[in-house]
PDB file of N, CA and C in Angstrom:
ATOM      1  N   MET A   1       0.671  -1.584   0.023  1.00  0.00           N
ATOM      2  CA  MET A   1      -0.112   0.446  -0.242  1.00  0.00           C
ATOM      3  C   MET A   1       0.637   0.854  -0.116  1.00  0.00           C
ATOM      4  N   SER A   2       0.274   2.125  -0.293  1.00  0.00           N
ATOM      5  CA  SER A   2       1.236   3.695  -0.587  1.00  0.00           C
ATOM      6  C   SER A   2       0.174   4.519   0.045  1.00  0.00           C
ATOM      7  N   VAL A   3       0.968   5.821   0.969  1.00  0.00           N
ATOM      8  CA  VAL A   3       0.263   6.672   1.437  1.00  0.00           C
ATOM      9  C   VAL A   3       0.840   7.885   0.541  1.00  0.00           C
ATOM     10  N   SER A   4      -0.535   8.794   0.564  1.00  0.00           N
ATOM     11  CA  SER A   4      -0.560   9.860  -0.305  1.00  0.00           C
ATOM     12  C   SER A   4      -0.846  10.775   0.549  1.00  0.00           C
ATOM     13  N   TYR A   5      -0.252  11.977   1.164  1.00  0.00           N
ATOM     14  CA  TYR A   5      -0.970  13.247   1.604  1.00  0.00           C
ATOM     15  C   TYR A   5      -0.990  15.044   1.028  1.00  0.00           C
ATOM     16  N   ASN A   6      -1.506  14.493  -0.640  1.00  0.00           N
ATOM     17  CA  ASN A   6      -1.498  14.979  -1.116  1.00  0.00           C
ATOM     18  C   ASN A   6      -3.153  15.884  -0.999  1.00  0.00           C
ATOM     19  N   LYS A   7      -3.835  15.486   0.113  1.00  0.00           N
ATOM     20  CA  LYS A   7      -4.703  16.166   0.616  1.00  0.00           C
ATOM     21  C   LYS A   7      -4.591  17.423   1.699  1.00  0.00           C
ATOM     22  N   LEU A   8      -3.340  16.927   2.487  1.00  0.00           N
ATOM     23  CA  LEU A   8      -2.836  17.782   3.370  1.00  0.00           C
ATOM     24  C   LEU A   8      -2.079  18.788   3.090  1.00  0.00           C
ATOM     25  N   TRP A   9      -1.729  18.577   1.766  1.00  0.00           N
ATOM     26  CA  TRP A   9      -1.077  19.835   0.937  1.00  0.00           C
ATOM     27  C   TRP A   9      -1.926  20.697   0.334  1.00  0.00           C
ATOM     28  N   LYS A  10      -3.033  20.165  -0.105  1.00  0.00           N
ATOM     29  CA  LYS A  10      -4.187  20.545  -0.517  1.00  0.00           C
ATOM     30  C   LYS A  10      -5.283  22.361   0.443  1.00  0.00           C
ATOM     31  N   LEU A  11      -4.946  20.840   1.485  1.00  0.00           N
ATOM     32  CA  LEU A  11      -5.740  21.962   2.845  1.00  0.00           C
ATOM     33  C   LEU A  11      -4.823  23.040   3.379  1.00  0.00           C
ATOM     34  N   LEU A  12      -3.164  22.846   3.432  1.00  0.00           N
ATOM     35  CA  LEU A  12      -2.633  23.742   3.791  1.00  0.00           C
ATOM     36  C   LEU A  12      -2.888  25.222   2.961  1.00  0.00           C
ATOM     37  N   ILE A  13      -3.285  24.754   1.391  1.00  0.00           N
ATOM     38  CA  ILE A  13      -3.536  25.778   0.874  1.00  0.00           C
ATOM     39  C   ILE A  13      -4.353  26.539   0.728  1.00  0.00           C
ATOM     40  N   ASP A  14      -5.413  25.860   1.009  1.00  0.00           N
ATOM     41  CA  ASP A  14      -7.057  26.254   0.934  1.00  0.00           C
ATOM     42  C   ASP A  14      -7.168  27.154   2.608  1.00  0.00           C
ATOM     43  N   LYS A  15      -6.064  26.815   3.493  1.00  0.00           N
ATOM     44  CA  LYS A  15      -5.554  27.555   4.730  1.00  0.00           C
ATOM     45  C   LYS A  15      -5.091  29.001   5.094  1.00  0.00           C
ATOM     46  N   ASN A  16      -4.226  28.775   3.476  1.00  0.00           N
ATOM     47  CA  ASN A  16      -3.213  30.040   3.680  1.00  0.00           C
ATOM     48  C   ASN A  16      -2.097  29.593   4.477  1.00  0.00           C
ATOM     49  N   MET A  17      -1.591  28.178   4.572  1.00  0.00           N
ATOM     50  CA  MET A  17      -0.612  27.854   5.898  1.00  0.00           C
ATOM     51  C   MET A  17       0.807  27.346   4.501  1.00  0.00           C
ATOM     52  N   LYS A  18       1.584  27.256   5.425  1.00  0.00           N
ATOM     53  CA  LYS A  18       3.247  27.179   5.047  1.00  0.00           C
ATOM     54  C   LYS A  18       3.278  25.716   5.648  1.00  0.00           C
ATOM     55  N   LYS A  19       3.933  25.573   5.438  1.00  0.00           N
ATOM     56  CA  LYS A  19       4.794  23.564   5.972  1.00  0.00           C
ATOM     57  C   LYS A  19       5.021  23.823   7.425  1.00  0.00           C
ATOM     58  N   GLY A  20       5.926  25.130   7.473  1.00  0.00           N
ATOM     59  CA  GLY A  20       6.493  25.796   8.498  1.00  0.00           C
ATOM     60  C   GLY A  20       5.587  25.853   9.206  1.00  0.00           C
ATOM     61  N   ASP A  21       4.436  26.738   9.021  1.00  0.00           N
ATOM     62  CA  ASP A  21       3.337  27.146   9.868  1.00  0.00           C
ATOM     63  C   ASP A  21       2.753  25.849  10.969  1.00  0.00           C
ATOM     64  N   LEU A  22       2.532  24.548   9.731  1.00  0.00           N
ATOM     65  CA  LEU A  22       2.143  22.810  10.468  1.00  0.00           C
ATOM     66  C   LEU A  22       3.093  22.622  11.173  1.00  0.00           C
ATOM     67  N   ARG A  23       4.525  22.397  10.779  1.00  0.00           N
ATOM     68  CA  ARG A  23       5.260  22.220  11.816  1.00  0.00           C
ATOM     69  C   ARG A  23       4.867  22.585  13.022  1.00  0.00           C
ATOM     70  N   VAL A  24       5.110  23.631  13.153  1.00  0.00           N
ATOM     71  CA  VAL A  24       5.235  24.159  14.425  1.00  0.00           C
ATOM     72  C   VAL A  24       3.330  24.070  15.355  1.00  0.00           C
ATOM     73  N   ALA A  25       2.997  24.517  14.371  1.00  0.00           N
ATOM     74  CA  ALA A  25       0.994  23.953  15.214  1.00  0.00           C
ATOM     75  C   ALA A  25       0.766  22.398  15.416  1.00  0.00           C
ATOM     76  N   ALA A  26       1.214  21.634  14.729  1.00  0.00           N
ATOM     77  CA  ALA A  26       1.359  20.419  15.254  1.00  0.00           C
ATOM     78  C   ALA A  26       2.299  19.219  15.946  1.00  0.00           C
ATOM     79  N   ASN A  27       3.280  20.330  16.423  1.00  0.00           N
ATOM     80  CA  ASN A  27       4.310  20.082  17.521  1.00  0.00           C
ATOM     81  C   ASN A  27       5.274  18.939  16.525  1.00  0.00           C
ATOM     82  N   MET A  28       5.219  19.157  15.059  1.00  0.00           N
ATOM     83  CA  MET A  28       6.511  17.991  14.704  1.00  0.00           C
ATOM     84  C   MET A  28       7.579  18.128  14.485  1.00  0.00           C
ATOM     85  N   SER A  29       8.330  17.134  14.909  1.00  0.00           N
ATOM     86  CA  SER A  29       9.986  17.865  13.665  1.00  0.00           C
ATOM     87  C   SER A  29       9.897  17.805  12.740  1.00  0.00           C
ATOM     88  N   PRO A  30      11.435  18.495  12.359  1.00  0.00           N
ATOM     89  CA  PRO A  30      11.541  18.267  10.759  1.00  0.00           C
ATOM     90  C   PRO A  30      11.753  17.704  10.121  1.00  0.00           C
ATOM     91  N   GLY A  31      11.920  16.180  10.640  1.00  0.00           N
ATOM     92  CA  GLY A  31      12.248  15.638  10.198  1.00  0.00           C
ATOM     93  C   GLY A  31      10.765  14.223   9.742  1.00  0.00           C
ATOM     94  N   THR A  32       9.929  14.400  10.309  1.00  0.00           N
ATOM     95  CA  THR A  32       8.784  14.386  10.214  1.00  0.00           C
ATOM     96  C   THR A  32       7.919  14.949   9.172  1.00  0.00           C
ATOM     97  N   LEU A  33       8.017  16.566   9.167  1.00  0.00           N
ATOM     98  CA  LEU A  33       7.331  17.198   7.986  1.00  0.00           C
ATOM     99  C   LEU A  33       8.063  16.134   6.413  1.00  0.00           C
ATOM    100  N   ALA A  34       9.930  16.137   6.779  1.00  0.00           N
ATOM    101  CA  ALA A  34      10.135  15.535   5.543  1.00  0.00           C
ATOM    102  C   ALA A  34       9.797  14.208   5.236  1.00  0.00           C
ATOM    103  N   LYS A  35       9.287  13.313   6.170  1.00  0.00           N
ATOM    104  CA  LYS A  35       8.580  12.152   5.983  1.00  0.00           C
ATOM    105  C   LYS A  35       7.336  12.093   5.374  1.00  0.00           C
ATOM    106  N   LEU A  36       6.380  13.301   5.155  1.00  0.00           N
ATOM    107  CA  LEU A  36       5.046  13.682   4.895  1.00  0.00           C
ATOM    108  C   LEU A  36       5.356  14.249   3.558  1.00  0.00           C
ATOM    109  N   GLY A  37       6.273  15.109   3.063  1.00  0.00           N
ATOM    110  CA  GLY A  37       6.777  15.923   2.060  1.00  0.00           C
ATOM    111  C   GLY A  37       6.941  14.289   1.225  1.00  0.00           C
ATOM    112  N   LYS A  38       7.508  13.110   1.308  1.00  0.00           N
ATOM    113  CA  LYS A  38       8.058  11.901   0.831  1.00  0.00           C
ATOM    114  C   LYS A  38       6.758  11.051   0.712  1.00  0.00           C
ATOM    115  N   ASN A  39       5.644  11.246   1.172  1.00  0.00           N
ATOM    116  CA  ASN A  39       4.528  10.438   1.339  1.00  0.00           C
ATOM    117  C   ASN A  39       5.340   9.103   2.075  1.00  0.00           C
ATOM    118  N   GLN A  40       5.920   9.372   2.761  1.00  0.00           N
ATOM    119  CA  GLN A  40       6.373   8.168   3.869  1.00  0.00           C
ATOM    120  C   GLN A  40       4.854   7.662   5.168  1.00  0.00           C
ATOM    121  N   SER A  41       5.477   6.733   5.871  1.00  0.00           N
ATOM    122  CA  SER A  41       4.788   6.269   6.901  1.00  0.00           C
ATOM    123  C   SER A  41       4.739   7.302   8.194  1.00  0.00           C
ATOM    124  N   VAL A  42       4.047   8.079   9.195  1.00  0.00           N
ATOM    125  CA  VAL A  42       4.115   8.760  10.659  1.00  0.00           C
ATOM    126  C   VAL A  42       3.304   8.421  11.055  1.00  0.00           C
ATOM    127  N   THR A  43       3.435   8.110  12.479  1.00  0.00           N
ATOM    128  CA  THR A  43       2.433   7.931  13.709  1.00  0.00           C
ATOM    129  C   THR A  43       1.246   8.376  13.518  1.00  0.00           C
ATOM    130  N   THR A  44      -0.157   7.808  13.967  1.00  0.00           N
ATOM    131  CA  THR A  44      -0.991   7.990  14.185  1.00  0.00           C
ATOM    132  C   THR A  44      -0.865   9.242  15.260  1.00  0.00           C
ATOM    133  N   ASP A  45      -0.193   9.080  16.257  1.00  0.00           N
ATOM    134  CA  ASP A  45       0.025   9.983  16.795  1.00  0.00           C
ATOM    135  C   ASP A  45       0.116  11.491  16.510  1.00  0.00           C
ATOM    136  N   VAL A  46       1.160  11.619  14.906  1.00  0.00           N
ATOM    137  CA  VAL A  46       1.344  13.115  14.130  1.00  0.00           C
ATOM    138  C   VAL A  46      -0.386  13.094  13.888  1.00  0.00           C
ATOM    139  N   LEU A  47      -0.665  12.145  13.054  1.00  0.00           N
ATOM    140  CA  LEU A  47      -1.443  12.490  12.284  1.00  0.00           C
ATOM    141  C   LEU A  47      -3.124  13.502  12.672  1.00  0.00           C
ATOM    142  N   GLU A  48      -2.968  12.602  14.290  1.00  0.00           N
ATOM    143  CA  GLU A  48      -3.714  13.510  14.870  1.00  0.00           C
ATOM    144  C   GLU A  48      -3.547  14.908  15.537  1.00  0.00           C
ATOM    145  N   ARG A  49      -2.298  14.819  15.793  1.00  0.00           N
ATOM    146  CA  ARG A  49      -2.055  16.298  15.895  1.00  0.00           C
ATOM    147  C   ARG A  49      -1.888  17.531  14.872  1.00  0.00           C
ATOM    148  N   ILE A  50      -2.045  16.692  13.764  1.00  0.00           N
ATOM    149  CA  ILE A  50      -2.093  17.571  12.671  1.00  0.00           C
ATOM    150  C   ILE A  50      -3.713  17.692  12.186  1.00  0.00           C
ATOM    151  N   CYS A  51      -4.453  16.462  12.401  1.00  0.00           N
ATOM    152  CA  CYS A  51      -6.179  17.008  12.553  1.00  0.00           C
ATOM    153  C   CYS A  51      -6.592  18.639  13.852  1.00  0.00           C
ATOM    154  N   ARG A  52      -5.844  18.113  14.661  1.00  0.00           N
ATOM    155  CA  ARG A  52      -6.362  18.725  15.487  1.00  0.00           C
ATOM    156  C   ARG A  52      -5.678  20.074  15.583  1.00  0.00           C
ATOM    157  N   ALA A  53      -4.883  20.928  15.076  1.00  0.00           N
ATOM    158  CA  ALA A  53      -3.831  21.793  13.899  1.00  0.00           C
ATOM    159  C   ALA A  53      -5.198  22.527  13.537  1.00  0.00           C
ATOM    160  N   LEU A  54      -5.031  21.664  12.040  1.00  0.00           N
ATOM    161  CA  LEU A  54      -5.780  21.756  10.927  1.00  0.00           C
ATOM    162  C   LEU A  54      -7.679  21.467  11.112  1.00  0.00           C
ATOM    163  N   GLN A  55      -7.834  21.004  12.428  1.00  0.00           N
ATOM    164  CA  GLN A  55      -9.283  20.727  12.917  1.00  0.00           C
ATOM    165  C   GLN A  55     -10.191  20.211  11.317  1.00  0.00           C
ATOM    166  N   CYS A  56      -9.788  19.162  11.307  1.00  0.00           N
ATOM    167  CA  CYS A  56     -10.307  18.414  10.681  1.00  0.00           C
ATOM    168  C   CYS A  56     -10.140  17.214  10.543  1.00  0.00           C
ATOM    169  N   ASP A  57     -10.909  16.226   9.684  1.00  0.00           N
ATOM    170  CA  ASP A  57     -11.240  14.535   9.984  1.00  0.00           C
ATOM    171  C   ASP A  57      -9.290  14.364   9.371  1.00  0.00           C
ATOM    172  N   ILE A  58      -8.807  13.194   9.687  1.00  0.00           N
ATOM    173  CA  ILE A  58      -8.200  12.205   9.184  1.00  0.00           C
ATOM    174  C   ILE A  58      -8.111  12.387   7.700  1.00  0.00           C
ATOM    175  N   GLY A  59      -9.594  11.918   7.343  1.00  0.00           N
ATOM    176  CA  GLY A  59      -9.714  11.558   5.786  1.00  0.00           C
ATOM    177  C   GLY A  59     -10.115  12.555   5.060  1.00  0.00           C
ATOM    178  N   ASP A  60      -9.668  13.567   6.058  1.00  0.00           N
ATOM    179  CA  ASP A  60      -9.201  14.964   4.822  1.00  0.00           C
ATOM    180  C   ASP A  60      -8.095  15.606   4.500  1.00  0.00           C
ATOM    181  N   ILE A  61      -6.744  14.803   5.416  1.00  0.00           N
ATOM    182  CA  ILE A  61      -4.927  14.665   5.297  1.00  0.00           C
ATOM    183  C   ILE A  61      -4.689  13.493   4.711  1.00  0.00           C
ATOM    184  N   VAL A  62      -4.678  12.414   4.209  1.00  0.00           N
ATOM    185  CA  VAL A  62      -4.247  11.166   4.040  1.00  0.00           C
ATOM    186  C   VAL A  62      -5.315  10.235   3.130  1.00  0.00           C
ATOM    187  N   GLU A  63      -4.480   9.506   2.273  1.00  0.00           N
ATOM    188  CA  GLU A  63      -5.394   8.521   1.556  1.00  0.00           C
ATOM    189  C   GLU A  63      -3.773   7.352   0.895  1.00  0.00           C
ATOM    190  N   VAL A  64      -5.025   5.956   1.461  1.00  0.00           N
ATOM    191  CA  VAL A  64      -4.119   5.059   1.075  1.00  0.00           C
ATOM    192  C   VAL A  64      -4.718   4.130   0.083  1.00  0.00           C
ATOM    193  N   ALA A  65      -3.296   3.891  -0.730  1.00  0.00           N
ATOM    194  CA  ALA A  65      -3.880   3.543  -2.377  1.00  0.00           C
ATOM    195  C   ALA A  65      -3.663   1.936  -1.886  1.00  0.00           C
ATOM    196  N   SER A  66      -3.833   1.312  -3.016  1.00  0.00           N
ATOM    197  CA  SER A  66      -4.013  -0.128  -2.958  1.00  0.00           C
ATOM    198  C   SER A  66      -2.426  -0.949  -3.695  1.00  0.00           C
ATOM    199  N   PHE A  67      -1.839  -2.122  -3.464  1.00  0.00           N
ATOM    200  CA  PHE A  67      -0.769  -2.316  -4.121  1.00  0.00           C
ATOM    201  C   PHE A  67      -1.503  -1.718  -6.141  1.00  0.00           C
ATOM    202  N   SER A  68      -2.381  -2.535  -6.815  1.00  0.00           N
ATOM    203  CA  SER A  68      -2.972  -2.743  -7.860  1.00  0.00           C
ATOM    204  C   SER A  68      -3.211  -1.540  -8.572  1.00  0.00           C
ATOM    205  N   GLU A  69      -3.838  -0.292  -7.023  1.00  0.00           N
ATOM    206  CA  GLU A  69      -3.463   0.693  -7.691  1.00  0.00           C
ATOM    207  C   GLU A  69      -2.956   1.189  -8.248  1.00  0.00           C
ATOM    208  N   ASP A  70      -1.137   1.193  -7.511  1.00  0.00           N
ATOM    209  CA  ASP A  70       0.359   1.517  -7.527  1.00  0.00           C
ATOM    210  C   ASP A  70       0.761   0.816  -8.496  1.00  0.00           C
ATOM    211  N   ALA A  71      -0.003  -0.544  -9.300  1.00  0.00           N
ATOM    212  CA  ALA A  71       1.180  -1.126 -10.145  1.00  0.00           C
ATOM    213  C   ALA A  71       0.327  -0.738 -11.577  1.00  0.00           C
ATOM    214  N   ASP A  72      -0.786   0.255 -11.218  1.00  0.00           N
ATOM    215  CA  ASP A  72      -1.321   0.429 -12.573  1.00  0.00           C
ATOM    216  C   ASP A  72      -0.753   1.962 -13.169  1.00  0.00           C
ATOM    217  N   GLU A  73      -0.307   2.787 -11.931  1.00  0.00           N
ATOM    218  CA  GLU A  73      -0.033   4.122 -11.890  1.00  0.00           C
ATOM    219  C   GLU A  73       1.336   3.581 -12.113  1.00  0.00           C
ATOM    220  N   GLY A  74       1.997   3.070 -11.833  1.00  0.00           N
ATOM    221  CA  GLY A  74       3.531   2.647 -12.536  1.00  0.00           C
ATOM    222  C   GLY A  74       3.389   2.003 -14.448  1.00  0.00           C
ATOM    223  N   ARG A  75       2.583   1.545 -14.963  1.00  0.00           N
ATOM    224  CA  ARG A  75       2.809   1.418 -16.030  1.00  0.00           C
ATOM    225  C   ARG A  75       2.027   2.544 -16.828  1.00  0.00           C
ATOM    226  N   ASN A  76       1.457   3.443 -16.460  1.00  0.00           N
ATOM    227  CA  ASN A  76       0.987   4.605 -16.852  1.00  0.00           C
ATOM    228  C   ASN A  76       1.783   5.520 -17.465  1.00  0.00           C
ATOM    229  N   ARG A  77       3.156   5.204 -16.751  1.00  0.00           N
ATOM    230  CA  ARG A  77       4.652   6.473 -16.199  1.00  0.00           C
ATOM    231  C   ARG A  77       5.120   6.036 -17.627  1.00  0.00           C
TER     232      ARG A  77
END
């Protein structure tokens, strides 16, 4: 499975926030923010803090794609 935080970045744009603003508001380390930028896994604690900071639900910031969708994307490139 693959994790995507594209919804998070779109939400930040809608809220006129920068990634650094989110890092401070959600009390994240720079390394955790880098993981999000690379669509890598982070803890549910981090996702919860992001949701609280942005006053949203987890479905508003993260998507999980199945292996078959990942394989389909690879063929279309």
